[in-house]
C-alpha atoms as a PDB file:
ATOM      1  CA  MET A   1       5.400   6.302 -17.490  1.00  0.00           C
ATOM      2  CA  MET A   2       8.682   5.771 -15.667  1.00  0.00           C
ATOM      3  CA  THR A   3       9.526   7.921 -12.664  1.00  0.00           C
ATOM      4  CA  PHE A   4      12.814   9.743 -13.206  1.00  0.00           C
ATOM      5  CA  LEU A   5      15.156  10.566 -10.351  1.00  0.00           C
ATOM      6  CA  GLU A   6      16.654  14.018  -9.788  1.00  0.00           C
ATOM      7  CA  PHE A   7      20.029  13.158 -11.335  1.00  0.00           C
ATOM      8  CA  GLU A   8      18.295  11.555 -14.349  1.00  0.00           C
ATOM      9  CA  LYS A   9      16.934  14.844 -15.772  1.00  0.00           C
ATOM     10  CA  PRO A  10      19.271  14.817 -18.828  1.00  0.00           C
ATOM     11  CA  ILE A  11      18.233  11.198 -19.475  1.00  0.00           C
ATOM     12  CA  ALA A  12      14.544  12.132 -19.171  1.00  0.00           C
ATOM     13  CA  GLU A  13      14.962  15.012 -21.634  1.00  0.00           C
ATOM     14  CA  LEU A  14      16.714  12.802 -24.182  1.00  0.00           C
ATOM     15  CA  GLU A  15      14.094  10.055 -23.875  1.00  0.00           C
ATOM     16  CA  GLY A  16      11.406  12.726 -24.322  1.00  0.00           C
ATOM     17  CA  LYS A  17      13.002  13.846 -27.605  1.00  0.00           C
ATOM     18  CA  ILE A  18      13.144  10.237 -28.834  1.00  0.00           C
ATOM     19  CA  ARG A  19       9.461   9.688 -27.976  1.00  0.00           C
ATOM     20  CA  GLU A  20       8.555  12.933 -29.721  1.00  0.00           C
ATOM     21  CA  LEU A  21      10.372  11.926 -32.909  1.00  0.00           C
ATOM     22  CA  ARG A  22       8.806   8.442 -32.838  1.00  0.00           C
ATOM     23  CA  SER A  23       5.344   9.939 -32.547  1.00  0.00           C
ATOM     24  CA  PHE A  24       5.518  11.277 -36.134  1.00  0.00           C
ATOM     25  CA  THR A  25       3.587   9.053 -38.543  1.00  0.00           C
ATOM     26  CA  GLY A  26       5.406   7.660 -41.540  1.00  0.00           C
ATOM     27  CA  GLY A  27       3.251   9.228 -44.270  1.00  0.00           C
ATOM     28  CA  ALA A  28       4.315   9.539 -47.900  1.00  0.00           C
ATOM     29  CA  GLY A  29       5.490  13.120 -47.516  1.00  0.00           C
ATOM     30  CA  ASP A  30       7.213  12.639 -44.190  1.00  0.00           C
ATOM     31  CA  VAL A  31      10.963  12.951 -43.791  1.00  0.00           C
ATOM     32  CA  ASP A  32      12.763   9.755 -42.769  1.00  0.00           C
ATOM     33  CA  ILE A  33      13.877  10.338 -39.182  1.00  0.00           C
ATOM     34  CA  SER A  34      15.086   6.826 -38.383  1.00  0.00           C
ATOM     35  CA  SER A  35      18.754   7.824 -38.599  1.00  0.00           C
ATOM     36  CA  GLU A  36      18.219  10.739 -36.222  1.00  0.00           C
ATOM     37  CA  VAL A  37      16.364   8.480 -33.764  1.00  0.00           C
ATOM     38  CA  GLY A  38      19.205   5.960 -34.001  1.00  0.00           C
ATOM     39  CA  GLN A  39      21.771   8.642 -33.192  1.00  0.00           C
ATOM     40  CA  LEU A  40      19.744   9.817 -30.198  1.00  0.00           C
ATOM     41  CA  GLU A  41      19.368   6.229 -28.935  1.00  0.00           C
ATOM     42  CA  THR A  42      23.126   5.723 -29.179  1.00  0.00           C
ATOM     43  CA  LYS A  43      23.617   8.968 -27.261  1.00  0.00           C
ATOM     44  CA  LEU A  44      21.053   7.833 -24.678  1.00  0.00           C
ATOM     45  CA  GLY A  45      22.846   4.511 -24.167  1.00  0.00           C
ATOM     46  CA  LYS A  46      26.162   6.280 -23.606  1.00  0.00           C
ATOM     47  CA  LEU A  47      24.550   8.803 -21.232  1.00  0.00           C
ATOM     48  CA  LEU A  48      22.955   5.995 -19.200  1.00  0.00           C
ATOM     49  CA  LYS A  49      26.219   4.068 -19.046  1.00  0.00           C
ATOM     50  CA  ASP A  50      28.259   7.116 -18.021  1.00  0.00           C
ATOM     51  CA  THR A  51      25.695   8.272 -15.447  1.00  0.00           C
ATOM     52  CA  TYR A  52      25.283   4.898 -13.738  1.00  0.00           C
ATOM     53  CA  ALA A  53      29.019   4.152 -13.804  1.00  0.00           C
ATOM     54  CA  THR A  54      29.723   7.187 -11.627  1.00  0.00           C
ATOM     55  CA  LEU A  55      26.821   7.253  -9.165  1.00  0.00           C
ATOM     56  CA  SER A  56      27.595   8.769  -5.770  1.00  0.00           C
ATOM     57  CA  PRO A  57      26.418   6.956  -2.602  1.00  0.00           C
ATOM     58  CA  SER A  58      23.530   9.403  -2.196  1.00  0.00           C
ATOM     59  CA  GLN A  59      22.455   8.763  -5.806  1.00  0.00           C
ATOM     60  CA  LYS A  60      22.664   4.998  -5.197  1.00  0.00           C
ATOM     61  CA  ILE A  61      20.242   5.502  -2.304  1.00  0.00           C
ATOM     62  CA  GLN A  62      17.783   7.161  -4.691  1.00  0.00           C
ATOM     63  CA  VAL A  63      18.046   4.185  -7.063  1.00  0.00           C
ATOM     64  CA  ALA A  64      17.666   1.685  -4.203  1.00  0.00           C
ATOM     65  CA  ARG A  65      14.481   3.491  -3.108  1.00  0.00           C
ATOM     66  CA  HIS A  66      13.019   3.835  -6.610  1.00  0.00           C
ATOM     67  CA  PRO A  67       9.268   3.055  -6.399  1.00  0.00           C
ATOM     68  CA  GLU A  68       9.365   0.912  -9.557  1.00  0.00           C
ATOM     69  CA  ARG A  69      12.209  -1.285  -8.357  1.00  0.00           C
ATOM     70  CA  PRO A  70      11.138  -4.961  -8.019  1.00  0.00           C
ATOM     71  CA  HIS A  71       9.802  -5.719  -4.547  1.00  0.00           C
ATOM     72  CA  PHE A  72       9.537  -9.001  -2.642  1.00  0.00           C
ATOM     73  CA  SER A  73       6.127  -9.915  -4.107  1.00  0.00           C
ATOM     74  CA  ASP A  74       7.365  -9.239  -7.650  1.00  0.00           C
ATOM     75  CA  ILE A  75      10.486 -11.374  -7.144  1.00  0.00           C
ATOM     76  CA  VAL A  76       8.605 -14.263  -5.553  1.00  0.00           C
ATOM     77  CA  GLY A  77       6.001 -14.184  -8.312  1.00  0.00           C
ATOM     78  CA  HIS A  78       8.719 -14.254 -10.984  1.00  0.00           C
ATOM     79  CA  LEU A  79      11.339 -16.620  -9.557  1.00  0.00           C
ATOM     80  CA  PHE A  80       9.416 -18.960  -7.251  1.00  0.00           C
ATOM     81  CA  THR A  81       6.614 -21.449  -7.766  1.00  0.00           C
ATOM     82  CA  ASP A  82       4.126 -23.028  -5.354  1.00  0.00           C
ATOM     83  CA  PHE A  83       4.628 -20.169  -2.884  1.00  0.00           C
ATOM     84  CA  THR A  84       2.572 -20.820   0.257  1.00  0.00           C
ATOM     85  CA  PRO A  85       2.745 -17.880   2.684  1.00  0.00           C
ATOM     86  CA  LEU A  86       2.758 -18.682   6.398  1.00  0.00           C
ATOM     87  CA  ALA A  87       1.313 -16.006   8.663  1.00  0.00           C
ATOM     88  CA  GLY A  88       1.689 -15.070  12.314  1.00  0.00           C
ATOM     89  CA  ASP A  89       4.277 -15.517  15.026  1.00  0.00           C
ATOM     90  CA  ARG A  90       2.060 -17.738  17.231  1.00  0.00           C
ATOM     91  CA  ALA A  91       2.448 -15.177  20.020  1.00  0.00           C
ATOM     92  CA  PHE A  92       0.925 -11.837  19.042  1.00  0.00           C
ATOM     93  CA  GLY A  93      -0.211 -11.605  15.440  1.00  0.00           C
ATOM     94  CA  GLU A  94       0.664 -11.181  11.779  1.00  0.00           C
ATOM     95  CA  ASP A  95       3.119  -8.631  10.433  1.00  0.00           C
ATOM     96  CA  GLU A  96       2.758  -7.826   6.734  1.00  0.00           C
ATOM     97  CA  ALA A  97       6.047  -5.947   6.438  1.00  0.00           C
ATOM     98  CA  LEU A  98       7.953  -9.247   6.499  1.00  0.00           C
ATOM     99  CA  ILE A  99       6.441 -11.993   4.353  1.00  0.00           C
ATOM    100  CA  GLY A 100       7.579 -15.584   4.093  1.00  0.00           C
ATOM    101  CA  GLY A 101       6.595 -19.136   3.434  1.00  0.00           C
ATOM    102  CA  LEU A 102       7.338 -22.379   1.626  1.00  0.00           C
ATOM    103  CA  ALA A 103       8.099 -22.383  -2.092  1.00  0.00           C
ATOM    104  CA  ARG A 104      10.097 -23.946  -4.894  1.00  0.00           C
ATOM    105  CA  PHE A 105      13.043 -22.109  -6.390  1.00  0.00           C
ATOM    106  CA  ARG A 106      13.931 -23.476  -9.813  1.00  0.00           C
ATOM    107  CA  GLY A 107      12.542 -26.836  -8.757  1.00  0.00           C
ATOM    108  CA  GLN A 108      14.134 -26.940  -5.294  1.00  0.00           C
ATOM    109  CA  ALA A 109      11.942 -26.791  -2.187  1.00  0.00           C
ATOM    110  CA  CYS A 110      12.905 -23.925   0.122  1.00  0.00           C
ATOM    111  CA  VAL A 111      11.764 -21.338   2.631  1.00  0.00           C
ATOM    112  CA  VAL A 112      11.738 -17.781   1.268  1.00  0.00           C
ATOM    113  CA  MET A 113      11.135 -14.592   3.225  1.00  0.00           C
ATOM    114  CA  GLY A 114      11.714 -10.892   2.854  1.00  0.00           C
ATOM    115  CA  HIS A 115      10.560  -7.341   3.408  1.00  0.00           C
ATOM    116  CA  GLU A 116       7.692  -6.007   1.309  1.00  0.00           C
ATOM    117  CA  LYS A 117       7.453  -2.213   0.913  1.00  0.00           C
ATOM    118  CA  GLY A 118       4.324  -2.102  -1.228  1.00  0.00           C
ATOM    119  CA  SER A 119       3.785  -0.517  -4.642  1.00  0.00           C
ATOM    120  CA  ASP A 120       1.067   2.093  -4.044  1.00  0.00           C
ATOM    121  CA  THR A 121      -0.238   4.148  -1.130  1.00  0.00           C
ATOM    122  CA  GLU A 122      -2.684   1.494   0.084  1.00  0.00           C
ATOM    123  CA  SER A 123      -0.190  -1.403  -0.056  1.00  0.00           C
ATOM    124  CA  ARG A 124       2.615   0.698   1.446  1.00  0.00           C
ATOM    125  CA  LEU A 125       0.469   1.461   4.463  1.00  0.00           C
ATOM    126  CA  ARG A 126      -0.602  -2.188   4.758  1.00  0.00           C
ATOM    127  CA  HIS A 127       3.010  -3.380   4.609  1.00  0.00           C
ATOM    128  CA  ASN A 128       4.214  -0.515   6.833  1.00  0.00           C
ATOM    129  CA  PHE A 129       6.745   0.537   4.165  1.00  0.00           C
ATOM    130  CA  GLY A 130       8.704  -2.673   4.776  1.00  0.00           C
ATOM    131  CA  MET A 131       9.469  -1.824   8.413  1.00  0.00           C
ATOM    132  CA  ALA A 132       8.811  -4.994  10.377  1.00  0.00           C
ATOM    133  CA  ARG A 133       7.525  -5.159  13.949  1.00  0.00           C
ATOM    134  CA  PRO A 134       8.621  -7.780  16.526  1.00  0.00           C
ATOM    135  CA  GLU A 135       5.996 -10.257  15.354  1.00  0.00           C
ATOM    136  CA  GLY A 136       7.564 -10.122  11.872  1.00  0.00           C
ATOM    137  CA  TYR A 137      10.951 -11.207  13.192  1.00  0.00           C
ATOM    138  CA  ARG A 138       9.369 -13.853  15.420  1.00  0.00           C
ATOM    139  CA  LYS A 139       7.612 -15.166  12.327  1.00  0.00           C
ATOM    140  CA  ALA A 140      11.007 -15.268  10.590  1.00  0.00           C
ATOM    141  CA  ILE A 141      12.362 -17.361  13.494  1.00  0.00           C
ATOM    142  CA  ARG A 142       9.422 -19.752  13.113  1.00  0.00           C
ATOM    143  CA  LEU A 143      10.043 -20.072   9.374  1.00  0.00           C
ATOM    144  CA  MET A 144      13.735 -20.773   9.883  1.00  0.00           C
ATOM    145  CA  ASP A 145      12.864 -23.419  12.463  1.00  0.00           C
ATOM    146  CA  ILE A 146      10.575 -25.097   9.905  1.00  0.00           C
ATOM    147  CA  ALA A 147      13.360 -24.957   7.302  1.00  0.00           C
ATOM    148  CA  GLU A 148      15.817 -26.661   9.637  1.00  0.00           C
ATOM    149  CA  ARG A 149      13.307 -29.307  10.685  1.00  0.00           C
ATOM    150  CA  PHE A 150      12.724 -30.323   7.069  1.00  0.00           C
ATOM    151  CA  GLY A 151      16.249 -29.707   5.771  1.00  0.00           C
ATOM    152  CA  LEU A 152      15.271 -26.850   3.462  1.00  0.00           C
ATOM    153  CA  PRO A 153      17.537 -23.985   2.363  1.00  0.00           C
ATOM    154  CA  VAL A 154      16.477 -20.468   3.387  1.00  0.00           C
ATOM    155  CA  LEU A 155      16.480 -17.575   0.914  1.00  0.00           C
ATOM    156  CA  THR A 156      15.956 -14.062   2.287  1.00  0.00           C
ATOM    157  CA  LEU A 157      15.396 -10.823   0.360  1.00  0.00           C
ATOM    158  CA  VAL A 158      16.206  -7.652   2.270  1.00  0.00           C
ATOM    159  CA  ASP A 159      14.549  -4.327   1.447  1.00  0.00           C
ATOM    160  CA  THR A 160      13.907  -2.172   4.497  1.00  0.00           C
ATOM    161  CA  SER A 161      14.969   1.191   5.843  1.00  0.00           C
ATOM    162  CA  GLY A 162      15.004  -0.483   9.267  1.00  0.00           C
ATOM    163  CA  ALA A 163      12.808  -2.179  11.828  1.00  0.00           C
ATOM    164  CA  TYR A 164       9.740  -0.193  12.912  1.00  0.00           C
ATOM    165  CA  PRO A 165      10.692   2.113  15.827  1.00  0.00           C
ATOM    166  CA  GLY A 166       7.164   2.750  17.152  1.00  0.00           C
ATOM    167  CA  VAL A 167       6.197   2.637  20.835  1.00  0.00           C
ATOM    168  CA  GLY A 168       4.085  -0.509  20.407  1.00  0.00           C
ATOM    169  CA  ALA A 169       6.932  -2.347  18.699  1.00  0.00           C
ATOM    170  CA  GLU A 170       9.349  -1.394  21.472  1.00  0.00           C
ATOM    171  CA  GLU A 171       6.844  -2.478  24.128  1.00  0.00           C
ATOM    172  CA  ARG A 172       6.581  -5.899  22.469  1.00  0.00           C
ATOM    173  CA  GLY A 173      10.360  -6.394  22.478  1.00  0.00           C
ATOM    174  CA  GLN A 174      11.656  -5.175  19.133  1.00  0.00           C
ATOM    175  CA  ALA A 175      15.350  -5.388  20.092  1.00  0.00           C
ATOM    176  CA  GLU A 176      14.943  -8.859  21.596  1.00  0.00           C
ATOM    177  CA  ALA A 177      13.084 -10.126  18.517  1.00  0.00           C
ATOM    178  CA  ILE A 178      15.800  -8.794  16.185  1.00  0.00           C
ATOM    179  CA  ALA A 179      18.547 -10.345  18.321  1.00  0.00           C
ATOM    180  CA  ARG A 180      16.814 -13.737  18.415  1.00  0.00           C
ATOM    181  CA  SER A 181      16.198 -13.678  14.663  1.00  0.00           C
ATOM    182  CA  THR A 182      19.873 -12.870  14.021  1.00  0.00           C
ATOM    183  CA  ASP A 183      20.880 -15.681  16.368  1.00  0.00           C
ATOM    184  CA  GLN A 184      18.534 -18.097  14.596  1.00  0.00           C
ATOM    185  CA  CYS A 185      20.233 -17.259  11.280  1.00  0.00           C
ATOM    186  CA  LEU A 186      23.627 -18.003  12.810  1.00  0.00           C
ATOM    187  CA  GLN A 187      22.492 -21.281  14.407  1.00  0.00           C
ATOM    188  CA  LEU A 188      20.815 -22.766  11.307  1.00  0.00           C
ATOM    189  CA  GLU A 189      22.148 -26.079  10.082  1.00  0.00           C
ATOM    190  CA  THR A 190      20.744 -25.579   6.596  1.00  0.00           C
ATOM    191  CA  PRO A 191      22.076 -23.227   3.877  1.00  0.00           C
ATOM    192  CA  ILE A 192      20.930 -19.620   4.120  1.00  0.00           C
ATOM    193  CA  VAL A 193      21.435 -17.129   1.281  1.00  0.00           C
ATOM    194  CA  THR A 194      20.551 -13.439   1.483  1.00  0.00           C
ATOM    195  CA  CYS A 195      20.338 -10.730  -1.138  1.00  0.00           C
ATOM    196  CA  ILE A 196      19.955  -7.042  -0.344  1.00  0.00           C
ATOM    197  CA  VAL A 197      17.665  -6.067  -3.210  1.00  0.00           C
ATOM    198  CA  GLY A 198      16.999  -2.448  -2.268  1.00  0.00           C
ATOM    199  CA  GLU A 199      17.702  -0.917   1.114  1.00  0.00           C
ATOM    200  CA  GLY A 200      19.390  -2.876   3.878  1.00  0.00           C
ATOM    201  CA  GLY A 201      18.878  -0.778   6.945  1.00  0.00           C
ATOM    202  CA  SER A 202      20.275  -1.463  10.425  1.00  0.00           C
ATOM    203  CA  GLY A 203      19.266  -4.434  12.594  1.00  0.00           C
ATOM    204  CA  GLY A 204      16.012  -4.717  10.671  1.00  0.00           C
ATOM    205  CA  ALA A 205      18.089  -6.005   7.752  1.00  0.00           C
ATOM    206  CA  VAL A 206      20.710  -8.002   9.669  1.00  0.00           C
ATOM    207  CA  ALA A 207      17.975  -9.954  11.485  1.00  0.00           C
ATOM    208  CA  ILE A 208      17.388 -12.009   8.320  1.00  0.00           C
ATOM    209  CA  ALA A 209      20.773 -11.447   6.663  1.00  0.00           C
ATOM    210  CA  ALA A 210      23.308 -13.291   8.865  1.00  0.00           C
ATOM    211  CA  ALA A 211      23.740 -15.796   6.046  1.00  0.00           C
ATOM    212  CA  ASN A 212      26.312 -18.174   4.572  1.00  0.00           C
ATOM    213  CA  LYS A 213      26.250 -16.125   1.378  1.00  0.00           C
ATOM    214  CA  VAL A 214      25.295 -12.442   1.339  1.00  0.00           C
ATOM    215  CA  LEU A 215      24.632 -11.031  -2.118  1.00  0.00           C
ATOM    216  CA  MET A 216      23.795  -7.459  -2.989  1.00  0.00           C
ATOM    217  CA  MET A 217      22.242  -5.972  -6.085  1.00  0.00           C
ATOM    218  CA  GLU A 218      24.511  -3.541  -7.895  1.00  0.00           C
ATOM    219  CA  HIS A 219      22.661  -0.365  -6.896  1.00  0.00           C
ATOM    220  CA  ALA A 220      21.353  -1.495  -3.503  1.00  0.00           C
ATOM    221  CA  VAL A 221      22.604   0.005  -0.212  1.00  0.00           C
ATOM    222  CA  TYR A 222      23.403  -1.647   3.127  1.00  0.00           C
ATOM    223  CA  SER A 223      24.181   0.307   6.291  1.00  0.00           C
ATOM    224  CA  VAL A 224      24.011   0.365  10.075  1.00  0.00           C
ATOM    225  CA  ILE A 225      21.804   3.485   9.894  1.00  0.00           C
ATOM    226  CA  SER A 226      20.252   5.578   7.153  1.00  0.00           C
ATOM    227  CA  PRO A 227      22.318   8.612   6.085  1.00  0.00           C
ATOM    228  CA  GLU A 228      19.447  10.851   7.191  1.00  0.00           C
ATOM    229  CA  GLY A 229      19.438   9.224  10.636  1.00  0.00           C
ATOM    230  CA  CYS A 230      23.216   9.450  10.893  1.00  0.00           C
ATOM    231  CA  ALA A 231      23.201  13.158   9.943  1.00  0.00           C
ATOM    232  CA  SER A 232      20.457  13.961  12.442  1.00  0.00           C
ATOM    233  CA  ILE A 233      22.497  12.341  15.246  1.00  0.00           C
ATOM    234  CA  LEU A 234      25.958  13.669  14.367  1.00  0.00           C
ATOM    235  CA  TRP A 235      25.132  17.104  12.969  1.00  0.00           C
ATOM    236  CA  ARG A 236      21.546  17.644  14.180  1.00  0.00           C
ATOM    237  CA  THR A 237      20.444  18.313  10.613  1.00  0.00           C
ATOM    238  CA  ASN A 238      19.370  16.287   7.581  1.00  0.00           C
ATOM    239  CA  GLU A 239      21.295  18.653   5.315  1.00  0.00           C
ATOM    240  CA  LYS A 240      24.440  16.599   5.991  1.00  0.00           C
ATOM    241  CA  ALA A 241      22.840  13.354   4.727  1.00  0.00           C
ATOM    242  CA  GLU A 242      25.004  13.302   1.591  1.00  0.00           C
ATOM    243  CA  GLU A 243      28.178  13.677   3.656  1.00  0.00           C
ATOM    244  CA  ALA A 244      26.985  10.859   5.921  1.00  0.00           C
ATOM    245  CA  ALA A 245      26.265   8.630   2.912  1.00  0.00           C
ATOM    246  CA  ASN A 246      29.837   9.091   1.667  1.00  0.00           C
ATOM    247  CA  ALA A 247      31.305   8.245   5.078  1.00  0.00           C
ATOM    248  CA  LEU A 248      29.145   5.191   5.826  1.00  0.00           C
ATOM    249  CA  LYS A 249      30.444   3.029   2.922  1.00  0.00           C
ATOM    250  CA  ILE A 250      26.976   1.805   2.007  1.00  0.00           C
ATOM    251  CA  THR A 251      27.387   0.764  -1.627  1.00  0.00           C
ATOM    252  CA  ALA A 252      27.759  -2.794  -2.887  1.00  0.00           C
ATOM    253  CA  GLN A 253      31.202  -1.991  -4.277  1.00  0.00           C
ATOM    254  CA  ASP A 254      32.442  -0.628  -0.928  1.00  0.00           C
ATOM    255  CA  LEU A 255      31.017  -3.537   1.042  1.00  0.00           C
ATOM    256  CA  LEU A 256      32.454  -6.167  -1.276  1.00  0.00           C
ATOM    257  CA  GLY A 257      35.876  -4.619  -0.737  1.00  0.00           C
ATOM    258  CA  LEU A 258      35.373  -4.680   3.038  1.00  0.00           C
ATOM    259  CA  GLY A 259      34.290  -8.325   2.978  1.00  0.00           C
ATOM    260  CA  VAL A 260      30.810  -7.595   4.343  1.00  0.00           C
ATOM    261  CA  ILE A 261      29.123  -9.145   1.293  1.00  0.00           C
ATOM    262  CA  ASP A 262      30.196 -12.052  -0.917  1.00  0.00           C
ATOM    263  CA  ASP A 263      29.062 -11.042  -4.390  1.00  0.00           C
ATOM    264  CA  ILE A 264      27.333  -8.325  -6.406  1.00  0.00           C
ATOM    265  CA  VAL A 265      24.338  -9.111  -8.625  1.00  0.00           C
ATOM    266  CA  ALA A 266      24.602  -6.952 -11.760  1.00  0.00           C
ATOM    267  CA  GLU A 267      21.588  -4.838 -12.702  1.00  0.00           C
ATOM    268  CA  PRO A 268      20.416  -3.858 -16.192  1.00  0.00           C
ATOM    269  CA  LEU A 269      21.828  -0.586 -17.522  1.00  0.00           C
ATOM    270  CA  GLY A 270      19.980   2.223 -15.769  1.00  0.00           C
ATOM    271  CA  GLY A 271      18.981   0.174 -12.717  1.00  0.00           C
ATOM    272  CA  ALA A 272      16.582  -2.667 -11.935  1.00  0.00           C
ATOM    273  CA  HIS A 273      13.557  -0.375 -12.368  1.00  0.00           C
ATOM    274  CA  ARG A 274      14.325  -0.005 -16.100  1.00  0.00           C
ATOM    275  CA  ASP A 275      14.120  -3.735 -16.817  1.00  0.00           C
ATOM    276  CA  PRO A 276      12.635  -5.520 -13.769  1.00  0.00           C
ATOM    277  CA  GLU A 277      12.283  -8.903 -15.490  1.00  0.00           C
ATOM    278  CA  ARG A 278      15.924  -9.034 -16.519  1.00  0.00           C
ATOM    279  CA  ALA A 279      16.994  -7.801 -13.080  1.00  0.00           C
ATOM    280  CA  MET A 280      15.005 -10.569 -11.382  1.00  0.00           C
ATOM    281  CA  ASN A 281      16.432 -13.218 -13.709  1.00  0.00           C
ATOM    282  CA  GLN A 282      19.960 -12.069 -12.839  1.00  0.00           C
ATOM    283  CA  LEU A 283      19.055 -12.192  -9.157  1.00  0.00           C
ATOM    284  CA  GLY A 284      17.775 -15.749  -9.634  1.00  0.00           C
ATOM    285  CA  ASP A 285      21.065 -16.766 -11.248  1.00  0.00           C
ATOM    286  CA  GLY A 286      22.966 -15.296  -8.295  1.00  0.00           C
ATOM    287  CA  LEU A 287      20.846 -17.154  -5.752  1.00  0.00           C
ATOM    288  CA  GLU A 288      21.144 -20.417  -7.680  1.00  0.00           C
ATOM    289  CA  HIS A 289      24.930 -20.104  -7.907  1.00  0.00           C
ATOM    290  CA  ALA A 290      25.207 -19.408  -4.163  1.00  0.00           C
ATOM    291  CA  LEU A 291      23.080 -22.456  -3.313  1.00  0.00           C
ATOM    292  CA  ARG A 292      25.079 -24.641  -5.675  1.00  0.00           C
ATOM    293  CA  ASP A 293      28.296 -23.638  -3.893  1.00  0.00           C
ATOM    294  CA  MET A 294      26.913 -25.095  -0.654  1.00  0.00           C
ATOM    295  CA  ALA A 295      25.546 -28.324  -2.072  1.00  0.00           C
ATOM    296  CA  GLY A 296      26.726 -31.366  -0.125  1.00  0.00           C
ATOM    297  CA  ILE A 297      28.036 -29.449   2.901  1.00  0.00           C
ATOM    298  CA  ASN A 298      26.628 -30.914   6.130  1.00  0.00           C
ATOM    299  CA  GLY A 299      24.717 -28.830   8.675  1.00  0.00           C
ATOM    300  CA  ALA A 300      27.418 -28.587  11.307  1.00  0.00           C
ATOM    301  CA  ARG A 301      29.946 -27.386   8.729  1.00  0.00           C
ATOM    302  CA  LEU A 302      27.500 -24.811   7.322  1.00  0.00           C
ATOM    303  CA  LYS A 303      27.048 -23.386  10.810  1.00  0.00           C
ATOM    304  CA  GLU A 304      30.814 -23.339  11.369  1.00  0.00           C
ATOM    305  CA  LEU A 305      31.456 -21.613   8.036  1.00  0.00           C
ATOM    306  CA  ARG A 306      28.838 -18.967   8.861  1.00  0.00           C
ATOM    307  CA  ARG A 307      30.499 -18.287  12.205  1.00  0.00           C
ATOM    308  CA  GLU A 308      33.935 -18.003  10.597  1.00  0.00           C
ATOM    309  CA  LYS A 309      32.578 -15.664   7.928  1.00  0.00           C
ATOM    310  CA  PHE A 310      31.212 -13.100  10.378  1.00  0.00           C
ATOM    311  CA  LEU A 311      34.176 -13.308  12.749  1.00  0.00           C
ATOM    312  CA  ALA A 312      36.478 -12.632   9.801  1.00  0.00           C
ATOM    313  CA  ILE A 313      34.604  -9.393   9.015  1.00  0.00           C
ATOM    314  CA  GLY A 314      35.484  -8.072  12.458  1.00  0.00           C
ATOM    315  CA  GLU A 315      39.120  -9.089  12.127  1.00  0.00           C
ATOM    316  CA  LYS A 316      39.387  -7.343   8.752  1.00  0.00           C
ATOM    317  CA  SER A 317      37.838  -4.163  10.159  1.00  0.00           C
ATOM    318  CA  LEU A 318      40.285  -4.095  13.087  1.00  0.00           C
ATOM    319  CA  ALA A 319      43.215  -4.668  10.741  1.00  0.00           C
END
């Protein structure tokens, strides 16, 4: 059964009534309730449309964090073929929060990588809730180096609240690993396309998102810090998280207007968790379109365009 978010209570109640009516068997003496069900379904569709058309930033965060939203493994399994994961950073060890490898995307060979949050308690612990350690970002650097060596495009899927802030990660050079991964993105002479599919948190997201084309799913969020983290720093309390979310401009619509992202990937009505397969197909179309736009551009020009893109963001912000 689907998990409903706090603001979806009216939707949950209406869906419950529809299920209850549908549970009646159609015996000879039963009253025909099809028209009533149809009316309720029409009402449900309008309620979903109205609710999701006016989501606040804090509600978008809830949708972006929905446990049934498609994760990296789901997307790779649905959109990619011949996926061969490559493990380890050749320096310390393997990090399962950031997964990547060689694959084919709609027939085209590529390197794909992204954060994996996990889908149940066991997998969430194994993948560290999608919070990568330094070895994860050093693995990303290695994968990007392979992509450049063989002239393969890089596709990255971002879904993390941020890089892991633990003592061990800091001791092994978390900041340096993030900086080098970001630099590797910027120096690539092959196309790189990113999509923020859930949460895009801080440097942990940017480290694999300094791309030629940055896409964002309609109800995803992308920010320099989580609203909870921002509130705890500025106001010393998490109670101001909603106010922080409004001020941070974290939604896809805000960021498209600011020029931080290039395009928004539409989600099914009610969010990607309501129809994961359709959501992933729409994501695939967005990635394919972005790659097609870069077809035939040589490596040096791709690198130059990437540099111009990110410098222009700063100029727009200052203006």
